[in-house]
């Protein structure tokens, strides 16, 4: 079977439904992974009263709308994040089909089409999970960054936009251009980390998928979009605060340290000294801590869907002679 055997409307409808279903599972990942829980057991349950959620009450987006944003069991208000993530799943699956699948030659085998779609969709879902986890807990799971890097290298032939050497070199360049200046150099000069290892690994992922040009784009576009978001936060709220979950985790850790023996506490504090979350900030706007991962994720998804068009437009804009 080839791509031309399937009507575009059928592929779009399948992608949207497939994406919505996996978006629902993504909510489980985002909630459970930071808490050290299994994503497959037990089945979905109300986070407040623990009542199991039957399948007919777990329909993406529609359940939230029909239940007016509350649980059916105890009427607890649900976070709008749930339908948002589900909708993002459907939207990303549709966008991948529209931008990366339907633009392929009609005689492309469905085996290659399926492989390309599944690889890109797996990347997109993992990145969305990383973005929401980083927003709430300010860390990026290695299974996203390292796993995504391995997936990018392993599937280079499906995309046809990079060679194996370009993929490997892009991953190395992506990691080093964040780790050397922002982790090693910045800490040596300022005494604290400019960007965490999780951010370096995300740019490494971008390099594995798109080569060094993609890694550079993701870092620069992420920085621009992150700066804009920080300015908006400062203008609207007057300050940038750490997420509530991070503050709670740090308070819990401090209580654990107080209960330790002096030897255990010294060892634990030595380990925490290597975690940017526990670094003492000197204060001021320039010292505000903001999750950078979501902006790297956004830039990576932008490049995944628009690719070289973004690079071409960027260089065209940069090379336009002044009037």
Protein backbone atom coordinates (compact mmCIF):
# COMPACT_ATOMS: atom_id res chain seq x y z
CA UNK A 1 0.00 0.00 0.00
CA UNK A 2 1.10 3.54 -0.74
CA UNK A 3 0.14 6.96 0.54
CA UNK A 4 -2.01 7.71 -2.52
CA UNK A 5 -4.31 4.80 -1.60
CA UNK A 6 -5.66 6.70 1.41
CA UNK A 7 -7.86 9.82 1.16
CA UNK A 8 -6.29 12.82 2.95
CA UNK A 9 -9.52 13.40 4.90
CA UNK A 10 -9.31 9.86 6.31
CA UNK A 11 -5.71 10.38 7.42
CA UNK A 12 -6.58 13.71 9.04
CA UNK A 13 -9.57 12.24 10.93
CA UNK A 14 -7.51 9.27 12.13
CA UNK A 15 -4.68 11.55 13.27
CA UNK A 16 -6.97 13.81 15.30
CA UNK A 17 -8.71 10.92 17.10
CA UNK A 18 -5.41 9.13 17.65
CA UNK A 19 -3.85 12.31 19.01
CA UNK A 20 -6.75 13.03 21.36
CA UNK A 21 -6.57 9.52 22.82
CA UNK A 22 -2.82 9.77 23.44
CA UNK A 23 -3.26 13.28 24.78
CA UNK A 24 -5.48 11.80 27.48
CA UNK A 25 -2.71 9.34 28.40
CA UNK A 26 -0.24 12.22 28.41
CA UNK A 27 -2.14 13.79 31.32
CA UNK A 28 -1.42 10.62 33.30
CA UNK A 29 2.28 10.90 32.46
CA UNK A 30 2.46 14.58 33.43
CA UNK A 31 0.76 13.94 36.78
CA UNK A 32 2.38 10.65 37.79
CA UNK A 33 6.00 10.77 36.58
CA UNK A 34 7.13 13.63 38.90
CA UNK A 35 5.49 11.80 41.80
CA UNK A 36 7.32 8.53 41.09
CA UNK A 37 4.11 6.69 40.21
CA UNK A 38 3.55 4.06 37.52
CA UNK A 39 1.85 5.40 34.38
CA UNK A 40 0.08 2.08 33.70
CA UNK A 41 -1.14 1.00 37.13
CA UNK A 42 -3.51 1.65 38.80
CA UNK A 43 -6.10 2.77 36.24
CA UNK A 44 -7.15 6.43 36.07
CA UNK A 45 -8.78 7.64 39.26
CA UNK A 46 -10.03 10.87 40.79
CA UNK A 47 -7.02 12.66 42.34
CA UNK A 48 -9.19 13.83 45.26
CA UNK A 49 -11.31 10.88 46.40
CA UNK A 50 -9.59 8.03 44.53
CA UNK A 51 -12.71 6.79 42.72
CA UNK A 52 -11.83 4.85 39.56
CA UNK A 53 -12.83 6.63 36.35
CA UNK A 54 -14.77 4.39 33.92
CA UNK A 55 -13.92 4.55 30.23
CA UNK A 56 -17.14 6.32 29.26
CA UNK A 57 -16.18 9.18 31.60
CA UNK A 58 -12.70 9.46 30.14
CA UNK A 59 -13.48 10.77 26.66
CA UNK A 60 -10.90 13.41 25.68
CA UNK A 61 -12.08 17.04 25.91
CA UNK A 62 -15.80 16.11 25.80
CA UNK A 63 -15.86 14.69 29.34
CA UNK A 64 -14.45 17.93 30.72
CA UNK A 65 -17.06 19.97 28.83
CA UNK A 66 -20.04 17.75 29.71
CA UNK A 67 -19.07 17.65 33.39
CA UNK A 68 -18.55 21.44 33.43
CA UNK A 69 -14.94 21.08 34.48
CA UNK A 70 -15.64 18.97 37.58
CA UNK A 71 -15.26 15.33 38.54
CA UNK A 72 -18.41 13.21 38.40
CA UNK A 73 -17.71 11.50 41.74
CA UNK A 74 -16.99 14.29 44.24
CA UNK A 75 -17.49 17.38 42.06
CA UNK A 76 -13.91 18.55 42.56
CA UNK A 77 -12.90 21.27 40.12
CA UNK A 78 -10.58 19.92 37.42
CA UNK A 79 -7.61 21.79 36.07
CA UNK A 80 -8.13 23.15 32.54
CA UNK A 81 -4.76 21.56 31.81
CA UNK A 82 -6.53 18.24 31.19
CA UNK A 83 -8.57 19.24 28.11
CA UNK A 84 -5.72 21.52 26.97
CA UNK A 85 -3.21 18.65 26.86
CA UNK A 86 -5.75 16.38 25.14
CA UNK A 87 -6.45 19.05 22.53
CA UNK A 88 -2.71 19.61 22.02
CA UNK A 89 -2.32 15.88 21.33
CA UNK A 90 -5.00 15.98 18.63
CA UNK A 91 -3.67 19.21 17.15
CA UNK A 92 -0.08 17.95 16.95
CA UNK A 93 -1.10 14.66 15.33
CA UNK A 94 -3.12 16.57 12.71
CA UNK A 95 -0.25 19.03 12.12
CA UNK A 96 2.24 16.19 11.60
CA UNK A 97 -0.02 14.58 9.02
CA UNK A 98 -0.64 17.90 7.30
CA UNK A 99 2.96 19.12 7.24
CA UNK A 100 5.07 15.97 7.14
CA UNK A 101 2.89 13.16 5.75
CA UNK A 102 0.65 14.68 3.08
CA UNK A 103 3.62 16.51 1.58
CA UNK A 104 5.32 13.18 0.78
CA UNK A 105 5.17 11.75 -2.77
CA UNK A 106 2.03 9.71 -3.36
CA UNK A 107 4.02 6.54 -4.10
CA UNK A 108 5.64 6.53 -0.62
CA UNK A 109 5.00 3.19 1.09
CA UNK A 110 2.65 3.24 4.04
CA UNK A 111 5.32 1.46 6.07
CA UNK A 112 7.59 4.49 5.72
CA UNK A 113 4.67 6.87 6.25
CA UNK A 114 3.64 5.07 9.44
CA UNK A 115 7.20 5.02 10.75
CA UNK A 116 7.66 8.73 10.10
CA UNK A 117 4.33 9.65 11.69
CA UNK A 118 4.85 7.51 14.80
CA UNK A 119 8.42 8.74 15.35
CA UNK A 120 7.45 12.41 15.02
CA UNK A 121 4.31 12.00 17.11
CA UNK A 122 6.23 10.17 19.86
CA UNK A 123 8.71 13.04 19.91
CA UNK A 124 5.94 15.64 20.05
CA UNK A 125 4.13 13.90 22.92
CA UNK A 126 7.34 13.49 24.92
CA UNK A 127 8.20 17.16 24.42
CA UNK A 128 4.76 18.29 25.58
CA UNK A 129 5.11 16.12 28.69
CA UNK A 130 8.54 17.64 29.35
CA UNK A 131 7.18 21.17 28.97
CA UNK A 132 4.37 20.72 31.49
CA UNK A 133 6.57 18.83 33.97
CA UNK A 134 9.22 21.56 33.73
CA UNK A 135 6.61 24.29 34.23
CA UNK A 136 5.38 22.67 37.43
CA UNK A 137 8.49 20.97 38.83
CA UNK A 138 11.37 22.70 36.99
CA UNK A 139 13.11 19.58 35.74
CA UNK A 140 13.17 17.68 32.45
CA UNK A 141 13.07 13.86 32.61
CA UNK A 142 16.04 12.13 30.97
CA UNK A 143 13.72 9.69 29.25
CA UNK A 144 12.48 12.63 27.18
CA UNK A 145 15.79 14.31 26.34
CA UNK A 146 18.08 11.29 26.09
CA UNK A 147 15.36 8.99 24.75
CA UNK A 148 14.37 11.62 22.18
CA UNK A 149 18.01 11.99 21.13
CA UNK A 150 18.35 8.24 20.58
CA UNK A 151 15.07 8.20 18.63
CA UNK A 152 16.26 11.07 16.45
CA UNK A 153 19.50 9.30 15.59
CA UNK A 154 17.76 5.96 15.02
CA UNK A 155 15.14 7.42 12.64
CA UNK A 156 17.31 9.77 10.56
CA UNK A 157 16.69 7.71 7.41
CA UNK A 158 12.90 8.03 7.74
CA UNK A 159 13.06 11.83 7.64
CA UNK A 160 15.57 12.12 4.82
CA UNK A 161 16.68 15.57 5.99
CA UNK A 162 19.88 14.58 7.82
CA UNK A 163 22.54 11.90 7.49
CA UNK A 164 23.72 9.77 10.40
CA UNK A 165 26.87 11.87 10.70
CA UNK A 166 24.86 15.12 10.68
CA UNK A 167 22.54 13.72 13.34
CA UNK A 168 25.40 12.66 15.61
CA UNK A 169 27.33 15.89 15.05
CA UNK A 170 24.19 17.98 15.62
CA UNK A 171 23.55 16.23 18.95
CA UNK A 172 27.13 16.86 20.10
CA UNK A 173 27.10 20.52 19.03
CA UNK A 174 23.68 21.08 20.56
CA UNK A 175 24.79 19.78 23.94
CA UNK A 176 28.15 21.53 24.01
CA UNK A 177 26.90 24.97 22.97
CA UNK A 178 24.66 25.03 26.07
CA UNK A 179 26.73 23.05 28.55
CA UNK A 180 30.08 24.83 28.04
CA UNK A 181 29.00 28.50 28.20
CA UNK A 182 25.88 28.29 30.39
CA UNK A 183 26.72 25.48 32.83
CA UNK A 184 30.51 25.52 33.06
CA UNK A 185 31.45 29.08 32.05
CA UNK A 186 28.51 30.93 33.66
CA UNK A 187 28.92 29.06 36.94
CA UNK A 188 32.64 29.83 37.02
CA UNK A 189 31.95 33.56 36.51
CA UNK A 190 28.75 34.06 38.51
CA UNK A 191 28.81 31.19 40.99
CA UNK A 192 25.51 29.74 39.77
CA UNK A 193 24.18 27.84 36.78
CA UNK A 194 22.87 29.82 33.79
CA UNK A 195 21.05 26.89 32.20
CA UNK A 196 20.56 23.40 33.60
CA UNK A 197 21.71 20.09 32.17
CA UNK A 198 18.12 19.35 31.20
CA UNK A 199 18.14 22.33 28.84
CA UNK A 200 21.47 21.21 27.33
CA UNK A 201 20.02 17.75 26.71
CA UNK A 202 16.93 19.23 25.03
CA UNK A 203 19.12 21.18 22.59
CA UNK A 204 21.09 17.95 22.08
CA UNK A 205 17.79 16.29 21.13
CA UNK A 206 17.09 19.05 18.60
CA UNK A 207 20.54 18.56 17.07
CA UNK A 208 19.96 14.81 16.75
CA UNK A 209 16.73 15.41 14.86
CA UNK A 210 17.59 18.45 12.76
CA UNK A 211 21.39 18.79 12.67
CA UNK A 212 23.41 21.72 13.96
CA UNK A 213 21.23 24.32 12.19
CA UNK A 214 18.17 23.01 13.98
CA UNK A 215 19.99 23.03 17.32
CA UNK A 216 21.05 26.67 16.82
CA UNK A 217 17.51 27.64 15.81
CA UNK A 218 15.96 25.92 18.83
CA UNK A 219 18.37 27.61 21.25
CA UNK A 220 17.92 31.08 19.74
CA UNK A 221 14.15 30.85 19.17
CA UNK A 222 13.68 29.40 22.65
CA UNK A 223 15.70 32.26 24.16
CA UNK A 224 13.70 34.90 22.28
CA UNK A 225 10.33 33.38 23.20
CA UNK A 226 11.42 32.81 26.79
CA UNK A 227 12.57 36.43 27.10
CA UNK A 228 9.23 37.68 25.77
CA UNK A 229 7.37 35.50 28.26
CA UNK A 230 9.56 36.72 31.14
CA UNK A 231 8.92 40.36 30.19
CA UNK A 232 5.16 39.73 30.05
CA UNK A 233 5.27 38.08 33.50
CA UNK A 234 7.22 40.98 34.96
CA UNK A 235 4.84 43.53 33.45
CA UNK A 236 1.70 41.73 34.60
CA UNK A 237 2.79 40.27 37.95
CA UNK A 238 5.82 42.37 38.82
CA UNK A 239 7.98 39.33 39.60
CA UNK A 240 8.78 35.77 38.56
CA UNK A 241 8.12 33.18 41.24
CA UNK A 242 9.09 29.54 41.47
CA UNK A 243 6.21 27.09 40.92
CA UNK A 244 4.28 26.11 44.03
CA UNK A 245 5.26 22.45 43.59
CA UNK A 246 8.97 23.38 43.59
CA UNK A 247 8.60 25.45 46.78
CA UNK A 248 6.76 22.55 48.45
CA UNK A 249 9.44 20.07 47.37
CA UNK A 250 12.22 22.31 48.70
CA UNK A 251 10.42 22.76 52.04
CA UNK A 252 9.98 18.99 52.33
CA UNK A 253 13.68 18.49 51.59
CA UNK A 254 14.65 21.04 54.26
CA UNK A 255 12.54 19.16 56.80
CA UNK A 256 14.27 15.91 55.82
CA UNK A 257 17.69 17.54 56.23
CA UNK A 258 16.82 18.75 59.72
CA UNK A 259 15.92 15.19 60.74
CA UNK A 260 19.25 13.75 59.51
CA UNK A 261 22.40 13.17 61.49
CA UNK A 262 25.23 15.68 60.90
CA UNK A 263 27.11 13.19 58.67
CA UNK A 264 24.03 12.36 56.60
CA UNK A 265 23.12 16.02 56.31
CA UNK A 266 26.59 17.00 55.10
CA UNK A 267 26.48 14.33 52.41
CA UNK A 268 22.96 15.31 51.31
CA UNK A 269 23.85 19.01 51.17
CA UNK A 270 26.87 18.17 49.02
CA UNK A 271 24.59 16.38 46.56
CA UNK A 272 22.04 19.21 46.56
CA UNK A 273 24.79 21.73 45.83
CA UNK A 274 24.95 20.28 42.30
CA UNK A 275 21.23 20.84 41.72
CA UNK A 276 20.47 24.31 40.24
CA UNK A 277 17.07 24.32 41.97
CA UNK A 278 18.78 24.60 45.37
CA UNK A 279 21.21 27.34 44.37
CA UNK A 280 20.78 30.55 46.31
CA UNK A 281 19.93 33.47 44.05
CA UNK A 282 21.39 36.88 44.76
CA UNK A 283 18.14 38.64 43.94
CA UNK A 284 17.09 41.12 41.27
CA UNK A 285 15.28 40.74 37.95
CA UNK A 286 18.31 39.24 36.26
CA UNK A 287 18.47 36.51 38.90
CA UNK A 288 14.87 35.32 38.50
CA UNK A 289 14.55 31.58 37.88
CA UNK A 290 12.22 30.59 35.06
CA UNK A 291 11.63 27.22 33.43
CA UNK A 292 13.36 27.43 30.04
CA UNK A 293 12.39 23.93 28.89
CA UNK A 294 8.90 24.86 27.62
CA UNK A 295 10.37 27.48 25.28
CA UNK A 296 12.94 25.02 23.92
CA UNK A 297 10.08 22.56 23.44
CA UNK A 298 8.03 25.17 21.58
CA UNK A 299 10.97 26.00 19.30
CA UNK A 300 11.62 22.29 18.66
CA UNK A 301 7.99 21.69 17.67
CA UNK A 302 8.10 24.76 15.43
CA UNK A 303 11.16 23.39 13.65
CA UNK A 304 9.69 19.88 13.45
CA UNK A 305 6.62 21.17 11.63
CA UNK A 306 8.09 24.00 9.57
CA UNK A 307 11.73 22.94 9.27
CA UNK A 308 13.94 24.65 6.74
CA UNK A 309 11.19 27.18 5.92
CA UNK A 310 11.95 28.84 9.25
CA UNK A 311 15.68 28.92 8.55
CA UNK A 312 15.14 30.30 5.04
CA UNK A 313 12.83 33.03 6.33
CA UNK A 314 15.22 33.90 9.15
CA UNK A 315 18.19 34.29 6.81
CA UNK A 316 16.06 36.23 4.32
CA UNK A 317 15.03 38.64 7.09
CA UNK A 318 18.62 38.99 8.32
CA UNK A 319 20.01 39.66 4.84
CA UNK A 320 17.41 42.19 3.67
CA UNK A 321 19.36 45.41 2.97
CA UNK A 322 18.32 48.46 5.00
CA UNK A 323 16.14 51.02 3.24
